[in-house]
Amino acid sequence: MPVESFDNTLSSSLRDPEIASEYLQHAFRDGKDVFLLALHDVAKAYGVSNIANQTGLNRESLYKMFKNGNPRMDTLSTLLSACGLELTFVPKSPVDSSLPITGQNPVDSPKSVS
């Protein structure tokens, strides 16, 4: 029985957007450099050349982004979209439902007088 290499197994797994999403979320928590390595893994799973052709992004520029860091927001968004992903934002901790929704700071809110 042939043994599949780690890279092949990883690439195969990362073609699933659910798995790629989790992979990138965990990598992002570990910092920018780890996130860029993980993003490169996801891009390789889909084929960097394929992504470049599909999106109009320059293949060489993508490789430089992975190596040097600091991707532009539009480049990151386009790359993620080509991989079936999107940026989302979630609360870091549960939101206190007793806080006012008005956008006022609860400390600055007028107190009601009974």
C-alpha atoms as a PDB file:
ATOM      1  CA  MET A   1       0.000   0.000   0.000  1.00  0.00           C
ATOM      2  CA  PRO A   2       1.571   3.347  -1.026  1.00  0.00           C
ATOM      3  CA  VAL A   3       2.096   5.955   1.645  1.00  0.00           C
ATOM      4  CA  GLU A   4       0.833   9.414   0.725  1.00  0.00           C
ATOM      5  CA  SER A   5       3.184  12.257   1.567  1.00  0.00           C
ATOM      6  CA  PHE A   6       2.236  14.824   4.183  1.00  0.00           C
ATOM      7  CA  ASP A   7       2.141  17.602   1.573  1.00  0.00           C
ATOM      8  CA  ASN A   8      -0.239  15.632  -0.633  1.00  0.00           C
ATOM      9  CA  THR A   9      -2.492  14.799   2.300  1.00  0.00           C
ATOM     10  CA  LEU A  10      -2.475  18.420   3.479  1.00  0.00           C
ATOM     11  CA  SER A  11      -3.220  19.749  -0.006  1.00  0.00           C
ATOM     12  CA  SER A  12      -6.043  17.277  -0.457  1.00  0.00           C
ATOM     13  CA  SER A  13      -7.545  18.264   2.890  1.00  0.00           C
ATOM     14  CA  LEU A  14      -7.183  22.002   2.292  1.00  0.00           C
ATOM     15  CA  ARG A  15      -9.293  21.810  -0.870  1.00  0.00           C
ATOM     16  CA  ASP A  16     -12.253  21.496   1.488  1.00  0.00           C
ATOM     17  CA  PRO A  17     -13.246  25.088   2.396  1.00  0.00           C
ATOM     18  CA  GLU A  18     -14.391  24.017   5.887  1.00  0.00           C
ATOM     19  CA  ILE A  19     -10.994  22.516   6.669  1.00  0.00           C
ATOM     20  CA  ALA A  20      -9.130  25.412   5.036  1.00  0.00           C
ATOM     21  CA  SER A  21     -11.172  27.864   7.078  1.00  0.00           C
ATOM     22  CA  GLU A  22     -10.302  26.168  10.368  1.00  0.00           C
ATOM     23  CA  TYR A  23      -6.656  25.849   9.338  1.00  0.00           C
ATOM     24  CA  LEU A  24      -6.396  29.572   8.572  1.00  0.00           C
ATOM     25  CA  GLN A  25      -8.254  30.585  11.744  1.00  0.00           C
ATOM     26  CA  HIS A  26      -5.843  28.647  13.928  1.00  0.00           C
ATOM     27  CA  ALA A  27      -2.833  29.933  12.005  1.00  0.00           C
ATOM     28  CA  PHE A  28      -4.049  33.538  12.311  1.00  0.00           C
ATOM     29  CA  ARG A  29      -4.154  33.172  16.102  1.00  0.00           C
ATOM     30  CA  ASP A  30      -0.474  32.173  15.995  1.00  0.00           C
ATOM     31  CA  GLY A  31       0.612  35.363  14.235  1.00  0.00           C
ATOM     32  CA  LYS A  32       1.167  36.924  10.848  1.00  0.00           C
ATOM     33  CA  ASP A  33       4.065  34.722   9.749  1.00  0.00           C
ATOM     34  CA  VAL A  34       2.222  31.506  10.591  1.00  0.00           C
ATOM     35  CA  PHE A  35      -0.918  32.816   8.875  1.00  0.00           C
ATOM     36  CA  LEU A  36       1.006  33.596   5.674  1.00  0.00           C
ATOM     37  CA  LEU A  37       2.529  30.112   5.667  1.00  0.00           C
ATOM     38  CA  ALA A  38      -0.925  28.603   6.099  1.00  0.00           C
ATOM     39  CA  LEU A  39      -2.360  30.870   3.394  1.00  0.00           C
ATOM     40  CA  HIS A  40       0.401  29.671   1.073  1.00  0.00           C
ATOM     41  CA  ASP A  41      -0.526  26.060   1.900  1.00  0.00           C
ATOM     42  CA  VAL A  42      -4.147  26.753   0.987  1.00  0.00           C
ATOM     43  CA  ALA A  43      -3.146  28.520  -2.235  1.00  0.00           C
ATOM     44  CA  LYS A  44      -0.874  25.601  -3.183  1.00  0.00           C
ATOM     45  CA  ALA A  45      -3.770  23.209  -2.588  1.00  0.00           C
ATOM     46  CA  TYR A  46      -5.818  25.088  -5.192  1.00  0.00           C
ATOM     47  CA  GLY A  47      -2.798  25.768  -7.405  1.00  0.00           C
ATOM     48  CA  VAL A  48      -1.151  29.191  -7.277  1.00  0.00           C
ATOM     49  CA  SER A  49      -1.047  29.362 -11.083  1.00  0.00           C
ATOM     50  CA  ASN A  50      -4.734  28.436 -11.272  1.00  0.00           C
ATOM     51  CA  ILE A  51      -5.594  31.144  -8.743  1.00  0.00           C
ATOM     52  CA  ALA A  52      -3.523  33.691 -10.665  1.00  0.00           C
ATOM     53  CA  ASN A  53      -5.284  32.801 -13.932  1.00  0.00           C
ATOM     54  CA  GLN A  54      -8.726  32.788 -12.338  1.00  0.00           C
ATOM     55  CA  THR A  55      -8.332  36.087 -10.466  1.00  0.00           C
ATOM     56  CA  GLY A  56      -5.966  38.109 -12.637  1.00  0.00           C
ATOM     57  CA  LEU A  57      -3.503  38.324  -9.745  1.00  0.00           C
ATOM     58  CA  ASN A  58       0.143  38.064 -10.745  1.00  0.00           C
ATOM     59  CA  ARG A  59       1.593  34.661  -9.790  1.00  0.00           C
ATOM     60  CA  GLU A  60       5.001  36.116  -8.937  1.00  0.00           C
ATOM     61  CA  SER A  61       3.350  38.774  -6.770  1.00  0.00           C
ATOM     62  CA  LEU A  62       1.474  36.079  -4.885  1.00  0.00           C
ATOM     63  CA  TYR A  63       4.708  34.217  -4.150  1.00  0.00           C
ATOM     64  CA  LYS A  64       6.334  37.475  -2.972  1.00  0.00           C
ATOM     65  CA  MET A  65       3.355  38.120  -0.717  1.00  0.00           C
ATOM     66  CA  PHE A  66       3.737  34.706   0.907  1.00  0.00           C
ATOM     67  CA  LYS A  67       7.475  35.226   1.372  1.00  0.00           C
ATOM     68  CA  ASN A  68       7.632  38.896   2.374  1.00  0.00           C
ATOM     69  CA  GLY A  69       4.263  39.274   4.070  1.00  0.00           C
ATOM     70  CA  ASN A  70       2.007  42.308   4.225  1.00  0.00           C
ATOM     71  CA  PRO A  71      -0.668  41.426   1.664  1.00  0.00           C
ATOM     72  CA  ARG A  72      -3.028  44.164   0.538  1.00  0.00           C
ATOM     73  CA  MET A  73      -6.592  43.722   1.720  1.00  0.00           C
ATOM     74  CA  ASP A  74      -7.980  43.449  -1.814  1.00  0.00           C
ATOM     75  CA  THR A  75      -5.361  40.826  -2.735  1.00  0.00           C
ATOM     76  CA  LEU A  76      -6.117  38.810   0.386  1.00  0.00           C
ATOM     77  CA  SER A  77      -9.860  39.004  -0.243  1.00  0.00           C
ATOM     78  CA  THR A  78      -9.472  37.976  -3.902  1.00  0.00           C
ATOM     79  CA  LEU A  79      -7.181  35.071  -3.004  1.00  0.00           C
ATOM     80  CA  LEU A  80      -9.524  33.802  -0.304  1.00  0.00           C
ATOM     81  CA  SER A  81     -12.518  34.105  -2.605  1.00  0.00           C
ATOM     82  CA  ALA A  82     -10.751  31.995  -5.251  1.00  0.00           C
ATOM     83  CA  CYS A  83     -10.379  29.309  -2.578  1.00  0.00           C
ATOM     84  CA  GLY A  84     -14.052  29.464  -1.617  1.00  0.00           C
ATOM     85  CA  LEU A  85     -13.379  31.487   1.534  1.00  0.00           C
ATOM     86  CA  GLU A  86     -14.135  34.959   2.848  1.00  0.00           C
ATOM     87  CA  LEU A  87     -13.051  37.128   5.737  1.00  0.00           C
ATOM     88  CA  THR A  88     -15.484  37.202   8.632  1.00  0.00           C
ATOM     89  CA  PHE A  89     -15.401  38.823  12.023  1.00  0.00           C
ATOM     90  CA  VAL A  90     -16.699  37.328  15.243  1.00  0.00           C
ATOM     91  CA  PRO A  91     -16.700  38.606  18.815  1.00  0.00           C
ATOM     92  CA  LYS A  92     -13.618  37.657  20.768  1.00  0.00           C
ATOM     93  CA  SER A  93     -15.705  36.909  23.849  1.00  0.00           C
ATOM     94  CA  PRO A  94     -19.425  36.663  24.522  1.00  0.00           C
ATOM     95  CA  VAL A  95     -21.162  40.011  24.238  1.00  0.00           C
ATOM     96  CA  ASP A  96     -22.724  41.279  27.461  1.00  0.00           C
ATOM     97  CA  SER A  97     -26.423  41.557  26.544  1.00  0.00           C
ATOM     98  CA  SER A  98     -26.966  44.146  29.286  1.00  0.00           C
ATOM     99  CA  LEU A  99     -24.878  46.714  27.387  1.00  0.00           C
ATOM    100  CA  PRO A 100     -26.800  49.350  25.443  1.00  0.00           C
ATOM    101  CA  ILE A 101     -26.993  48.879  21.682  1.00  0.00           C
ATOM    102  CA  THR A 102     -26.890  52.623  21.026  1.00  0.00           C
ATOM    103  CA  GLY A 103     -23.112  52.678  20.782  1.00  0.00           C
ATOM    104  CA  GLN A 104     -22.812  54.720  23.960  1.00  0.00           C
ATOM    105  CA  ASN A 105     -20.233  53.748  26.494  1.00  0.00           C
ATOM    106  CA  PRO A 106     -22.186  52.359  29.501  1.00  0.00           C
ATOM    107  CA  VAL A 107     -20.021  54.435  31.821  1.00  0.00           C
ATOM    108  CA  ASP A 108     -21.043  57.626  29.993  1.00  0.00           C
ATOM    109  CA  SER A 109     -24.757  56.705  29.707  1.00  0.00           C
ATOM    110  CA  PRO A 110     -27.124  58.834  31.768  1.00  0.00           C
ATOM    111  CA  LYS A 111     -28.430  57.042  34.812  1.00  0.00           C
ATOM    112  CA  SER A 112     -32.146  56.806  35.250  1.00  0.00           C
ATOM    113  CA  VAL A 113     -33.563  58.398  38.383  1.00  0.00           C
ATOM    114  CA  SER A 114     -36.290  56.526  40.214  1.00  0.00           C
END
